[in-house]
Amino acid sequence: MASLVRPWVIYLSLLLGLLLASLPLPVWMRSWWPDWPLLVFIYWCLALPEGLGVVAGWLLGLLVDVYRGDLLGRNALCFALVAGLVQVTYRRMRHYPLPQQSFMVALFLLLYLVVDFLILSLRGTPPRHWSFWYPVLTGMLVWPWLFLGLRMLRRRYLRSR
């Protein structure tokens, strides 16, 4: 990321993802709300795989843990695993059309929730309702719009030196 002219765009978009995740929502809408920080992070891992990876995922996950007041390391582990998987598949994913990318993002979100489910189960507080899995569907549906918006932002403000 050292060669980028304006890296603040990345930080600002990640902060916006954190803010979107903490919006006060009606009860019926909370379970459907996508995991915005993770979706924004997945985009930047695809767009700048050499700049964002497992370590950045771990650090962002720790920040999300602190921000949400979750068990420290819970989101850090999940973000790091997703970042590693994105780094392995990013060359292929860049060439996929948006519907196929959305499906891959749903798989990343599913991995995140499976690991999160296991952590919560080991802790003794497993989710007891199917609504725990709803963000996979909504994340897949918002991915094309998020991708296009962040790509436009990246093309406008991030240029290599």
C-alpha atoms as a PDB file:
ATOM      1  CA  MET A   1       0.000   0.000   0.000  1.00  0.00           C
ATOM      2  CA  ALA A   2       3.065   2.249   0.146  1.00  0.00           C
ATOM      3  CA  SER A   3       2.856   2.936  -3.586  1.00  0.00           C
ATOM      4  CA  LEU A   4      -0.696   4.281  -3.412  1.00  0.00           C
ATOM      5  CA  VAL A   5      -1.225   7.992  -3.778  1.00  0.00           C
ATOM      6  CA  ARG A   6      -4.236   8.227  -1.432  1.00  0.00           C
ATOM      7  CA  PRO A   7      -4.448   5.214   0.931  1.00  0.00           C
ATOM      8  CA  TRP A   8      -6.852   7.134   3.194  1.00  0.00           C
ATOM      9  CA  VAL A   9      -9.640   5.990   0.850  1.00  0.00           C
ATOM     10  CA  ILE A  10      -9.157   2.419   2.048  1.00  0.00           C
ATOM     11  CA  TYR A  11      -9.182   3.410   5.714  1.00  0.00           C
ATOM     12  CA  LEU A  12     -12.207   5.636   5.240  1.00  0.00           C
ATOM     13  CA  SER A  13     -14.185   2.899   3.484  1.00  0.00           C
ATOM     14  CA  LEU A  14     -13.315   0.391   6.219  1.00  0.00           C
ATOM     15  CA  LEU A  15     -14.419   2.918   8.835  1.00  0.00           C
ATOM     16  CA  LEU A  16     -17.667   3.433   6.921  1.00  0.00           C
ATOM     17  CA  GLY A  17     -18.165  -0.353   6.984  1.00  0.00           C
ATOM     18  CA  LEU A  18     -17.734  -0.324  10.757  1.00  0.00           C
ATOM     19  CA  LEU A  19     -20.224   2.527  11.074  1.00  0.00           C
ATOM     20  CA  LEU A  20     -22.767   0.744   8.874  1.00  0.00           C
ATOM     21  CA  ALA A  21     -22.413  -2.344  11.060  1.00  0.00           C
ATOM     22  CA  SER A  22     -23.278  -0.359  14.165  1.00  0.00           C
ATOM     23  CA  LEU A  23     -26.364   1.474  12.913  1.00  0.00           C
ATOM     24  CA  PRO A  24     -29.339   1.196  15.249  1.00  0.00           C
ATOM     25  CA  LEU A  25     -31.812  -0.947  13.336  1.00  0.00           C
ATOM     26  CA  PRO A  26     -35.293  -2.291  14.001  1.00  0.00           C
ATOM     27  CA  VAL A  27     -35.278  -5.783  15.515  1.00  0.00           C
ATOM     28  CA  TRP A  28     -36.637  -7.435  12.368  1.00  0.00           C
ATOM     29  CA  MET A  29     -33.859  -5.913  10.264  1.00  0.00           C
ATOM     30  CA  ARG A  30     -30.842  -6.739  12.472  1.00  0.00           C
ATOM     31  CA  SER A  31     -30.624 -10.377  11.460  1.00  0.00           C
ATOM     32  CA  TRP A  32     -30.743  -9.487   7.752  1.00  0.00           C
ATOM     33  CA  TRP A  33     -28.090  -6.730   7.941  1.00  0.00           C
ATOM     34  CA  PRO A  34     -24.933  -7.750   6.012  1.00  0.00           C
ATOM     35  CA  ASP A  35     -21.538  -7.810   7.670  1.00  0.00           C
ATOM     36  CA  TRP A  36     -20.333  -4.539   6.142  1.00  0.00           C
ATOM     37  CA  PRO A  37     -16.783  -4.486   7.567  1.00  0.00           C
ATOM     38  CA  LEU A  38     -16.123  -7.952   6.173  1.00  0.00           C
ATOM     39  CA  LEU A  39     -17.610  -7.138   2.757  1.00  0.00           C
ATOM     40  CA  VAL A  40     -15.529  -3.962   2.426  1.00  0.00           C
ATOM     41  CA  PHE A  41     -12.432  -5.871   3.556  1.00  0.00           C
ATOM     42  CA  ILE A  42     -13.074  -8.617   0.992  1.00  0.00           C
ATOM     43  CA  TYR A  43     -13.271  -5.994  -1.743  1.00  0.00           C
ATOM     44  CA  TRP A  44      -9.930  -4.439  -0.766  1.00  0.00           C
ATOM     45  CA  CYS A  45      -8.319  -7.877  -0.505  1.00  0.00           C
ATOM     46  CA  LEU A  46      -9.431  -8.557  -4.083  1.00  0.00           C
ATOM     47  CA  ALA A  47      -8.437  -5.127  -5.368  1.00  0.00           C
ATOM     48  CA  LEU A  48      -5.086  -4.878  -3.531  1.00  0.00           C
ATOM     49  CA  PRO A  49      -4.002  -8.417  -2.608  1.00  0.00           C
ATOM     50  CA  GLU A  50      -0.389  -7.343  -2.110  1.00  0.00           C
ATOM     51  CA  GLY A  51      -1.418  -4.658   0.376  1.00  0.00           C
ATOM     52  CA  LEU A  52      -4.088  -6.376   2.447  1.00  0.00           C
ATOM     53  CA  GLY A  53      -3.835  -9.930   3.651  1.00  0.00           C
ATOM     54  CA  VAL A  54      -3.998 -12.168   6.679  1.00  0.00           C
ATOM     55  CA  VAL A  55      -2.228  -9.753   9.033  1.00  0.00           C
ATOM     56  CA  ALA A  56      -4.478  -6.865   7.978  1.00  0.00           C
ATOM     57  CA  GLY A  57      -7.482  -9.164   8.437  1.00  0.00           C
ATOM     58  CA  TRP A  58      -6.325 -10.086  11.910  1.00  0.00           C
ATOM     59  CA  LEU A  59      -5.830  -6.431  12.864  1.00  0.00           C
ATOM     60  CA  LEU A  60      -9.159  -5.330  11.391  1.00  0.00           C
ATOM     61  CA  GLY A  61     -10.857  -8.259  13.115  1.00  0.00           C
ATOM     62  CA  LEU A  62      -9.360  -7.178  16.449  1.00  0.00           C
ATOM     63  CA  LEU A  63     -10.646  -3.676  15.803  1.00  0.00           C
ATOM     64  CA  VAL A  64     -14.105  -5.088  15.077  1.00  0.00           C
ATOM     65  CA  ASP A  65     -13.923  -7.150  18.294  1.00  0.00           C
ATOM     66  CA  VAL A  66     -13.111  -4.068  20.338  1.00  0.00           C
ATOM     67  CA  TYR A  67     -15.667  -1.925  18.507  1.00  0.00           C
ATOM     68  CA  ARG A  68     -18.485  -4.438  18.985  1.00  0.00           C
ATOM     69  CA  GLY A  69     -17.403  -5.552  22.438  1.00  0.00           C
ATOM     70  CA  ASP A  70     -17.081  -9.179  21.305  1.00  0.00           C
ATOM     71  CA  LEU A  71     -14.776 -11.859  22.629  1.00  0.00           C
ATOM     72  CA  LEU A  72     -11.284 -10.616  21.770  1.00  0.00           C
ATOM     73  CA  GLY A  73      -9.920 -12.576  18.813  1.00  0.00           C
ATOM     74  CA  ARG A  74     -13.257 -13.943  17.632  1.00  0.00           C
ATOM     75  CA  ASN A  75     -13.601 -11.710  14.570  1.00  0.00           C
ATOM     76  CA  ALA A  76      -9.817 -11.503  14.202  1.00  0.00           C
ATOM     77  CA  LEU A  77      -9.591 -15.234  13.517  1.00  0.00           C
ATOM     78  CA  CYS A  78     -12.553 -15.153  11.131  1.00  0.00           C
ATOM     79  CA  PHE A  79     -11.255 -12.122   9.204  1.00  0.00           C
ATOM     80  CA  ALA A  80      -7.780 -13.670   8.923  1.00  0.00           C
ATOM     81  CA  LEU A  81      -9.178 -16.943   7.559  1.00  0.00           C
ATOM     82  CA  VAL A  82     -11.325 -15.131   5.002  1.00  0.00           C
ATOM     83  CA  ALA A  83      -8.348 -12.963   3.993  1.00  0.00           C
ATOM     84  CA  GLY A  84      -6.220 -16.055   3.459  1.00  0.00           C
ATOM     85  CA  LEU A  85      -8.890 -17.658   1.305  1.00  0.00           C
ATOM     86  CA  VAL A  86      -9.357 -14.475  -0.723  1.00  0.00           C
ATOM     87  CA  GLN A  87      -5.591 -14.279  -1.300  1.00  0.00           C
ATOM     88  CA  VAL A  88      -5.592 -17.833  -2.629  1.00  0.00           C
ATOM     89  CA  THR A  89      -8.497 -17.214  -5.031  1.00  0.00           C
ATOM     90  CA  TYR A  90      -8.176 -13.556  -6.015  1.00  0.00           C
ATOM     91  CA  ARG A  91      -6.581 -14.190  -9.440  1.00  0.00           C
ATOM     92  CA  ARG A  92      -9.541 -16.275 -10.543  1.00  0.00           C
ATOM     93  CA  MET A  93     -12.161 -14.142  -8.836  1.00  0.00           C
ATOM     94  CA  ARG A  94     -11.086 -10.967 -10.598  1.00  0.00           C
ATOM     95  CA  HIS A  95     -12.132 -12.513 -13.905  1.00  0.00           C
ATOM     96  CA  TYR A  96     -15.510 -13.775 -12.715  1.00  0.00           C
ATOM     97  CA  PRO A  97     -18.645 -11.865 -13.691  1.00  0.00           C
ATOM     98  CA  LEU A  98     -20.402 -10.154 -10.773  1.00  0.00           C
ATOM     99  CA  PRO A  99     -23.032 -12.878 -10.201  1.00  0.00           C
ATOM    100  CA  GLN A 100     -20.324 -15.509  -9.883  1.00  0.00           C
ATOM    101  CA  GLN A 101     -18.274 -13.191  -7.652  1.00  0.00           C
ATOM    102  CA  SER A 102     -21.356 -12.775  -5.473  1.00  0.00           C
ATOM    103  CA  PHE A 103     -21.565 -16.527  -5.077  1.00  0.00           C
ATOM    104  CA  MET A 104     -17.891 -16.689  -4.076  1.00  0.00           C
ATOM    105  CA  VAL A 105     -18.422 -13.860  -1.582  1.00  0.00           C
ATOM    106  CA  ALA A 106     -21.331 -15.850  -0.140  1.00  0.00           C
ATOM    107  CA  LEU A 107     -18.924 -18.756   0.378  1.00  0.00           C
ATOM    108  CA  PHE A 108     -16.473 -16.439   2.166  1.00  0.00           C
ATOM    109  CA  LEU A 109     -19.286 -15.135   4.359  1.00  0.00           C
ATOM    110  CA  LEU A 110     -20.401 -18.691   5.048  1.00  0.00           C
ATOM    111  CA  LEU A 111     -16.867 -19.646   6.112  1.00  0.00           C
ATOM    112  CA  TYR A 112     -16.820 -16.626   8.417  1.00  0.00           C
ATOM    113  CA  LEU A 113     -20.125 -17.621  10.013  1.00  0.00           C
ATOM    114  CA  VAL A 114     -19.187 -21.308  10.344  1.00  0.00           C
ATOM    115  CA  VAL A 115     -16.009 -20.397  12.229  1.00  0.00           C
ATOM    116  CA  ASP A 116     -17.934 -17.844  14.275  1.00  0.00           C
ATOM    117  CA  PHE A 117     -20.575 -20.493  15.043  1.00  0.00           C
ATOM    118  CA  LEU A 118     -17.871 -22.914  16.212  1.00  0.00           C
ATOM    119  CA  ILE A 119     -16.304 -20.248  18.440  1.00  0.00           C
ATOM    120  CA  LEU A 120     -19.679 -19.372  19.951  1.00  0.00           C
ATOM    121  CA  SER A 121     -20.459 -23.079  20.456  1.00  0.00           C
ATOM    122  CA  LEU A 122     -17.153 -23.675  22.242  1.00  0.00           C
ATOM    123  CA  ARG A 123     -17.916 -20.676  24.408  1.00  0.00           C
ATOM    124  CA  GLY A 124     -21.283 -22.194  25.302  1.00  0.00           C
ATOM    125  CA  THR A 125     -23.510 -19.634  23.568  1.00  0.00           C
ATOM    126  CA  PRO A 126     -24.371 -21.056  20.139  1.00  0.00           C
ATOM    127  CA  PRO A 127     -26.944 -19.182  18.052  1.00  0.00           C
ATOM    128  CA  ARG A 128     -30.316 -20.864  18.328  1.00  0.00           C
ATOM    129  CA  HIS A 129     -32.085 -19.414  15.308  1.00  0.00           C
ATOM    130  CA  TRP A 130     -31.667 -19.637  11.555  1.00  0.00           C
ATOM    131  CA  SER A 131     -31.416 -15.864  11.363  1.00  0.00           C
ATOM    132  CA  PHE A 132     -27.724 -16.234  12.293  1.00  0.00           C
ATOM    133  CA  TRP A 133     -27.104 -17.316   8.675  1.00  0.00           C
ATOM    134  CA  TYR A 134     -29.159 -14.593   6.921  1.00  0.00           C
ATOM    135  CA  PRO A 135     -26.202 -12.205   6.380  1.00  0.00           C
ATOM    136  CA  VAL A 136     -24.788 -14.690   3.862  1.00  0.00           C
ATOM    137  CA  LEU A 137     -27.779 -14.105   1.596  1.00  0.00           C
ATOM    138  CA  THR A 138     -27.918 -10.339   2.048  1.00  0.00           C
ATOM    139  CA  GLY A 139     -24.138 -10.022   1.667  1.00  0.00           C
ATOM    140  CA  MET A 140     -24.354 -11.894  -1.614  1.00  0.00           C
ATOM    141  CA  LEU A 141     -27.147  -9.603  -2.805  1.00  0.00           C
ATOM    142  CA  VAL A 142     -25.387  -6.323  -1.928  1.00  0.00           C
ATOM    143  CA  TRP A 143     -21.981  -7.436  -3.225  1.00  0.00           C
ATOM    144  CA  PRO A 144     -22.436  -6.241  -6.839  1.00  0.00           C
ATOM    145  CA  TRP A 145     -23.445  -2.747  -5.678  1.00  0.00           C
ATOM    146  CA  LEU A 146     -20.679  -2.558  -3.100  1.00  0.00           C
ATOM    147  CA  PHE A 147     -18.146  -3.833  -5.634  1.00  0.00           C
ATOM    148  CA  LEU A 148     -19.142  -1.276  -8.261  1.00  0.00           C
ATOM    149  CA  GLY A 149     -19.166   1.596  -5.759  1.00  0.00           C
ATOM    150  CA  LEU A 150     -15.775   0.758  -4.251  1.00  0.00           C
ATOM    151  CA  ARG A 151     -14.267   0.109  -7.668  1.00  0.00           C
ATOM    152  CA  MET A 152     -15.392   3.543  -8.817  1.00  0.00           C
ATOM    153  CA  LEU A 153     -13.868   5.036  -5.660  1.00  0.00           C
ATOM    154  CA  ARG A 154     -10.621   3.113  -6.181  1.00  0.00           C
ATOM    155  CA  ARG A 155     -10.318   4.174  -9.799  1.00  0.00           C
ATOM    156  CA  ARG A 156     -10.940   7.793  -8.939  1.00  0.00           C
ATOM    157  CA  TYR A 157      -8.766   8.213  -5.845  1.00  0.00           C
ATOM    158  CA  LEU A 158      -6.201   5.421  -5.805  1.00  0.00           C
ATOM    159  CA  ARG A 159      -3.543   5.602  -8.414  1.00  0.00           C
ATOM    160  CA  SER A 160      -0.132   4.034  -8.182  1.00  0.00           C
ATOM    161  CA  ARG A 161       2.852   6.314  -8.220  1.00  0.00           C
END
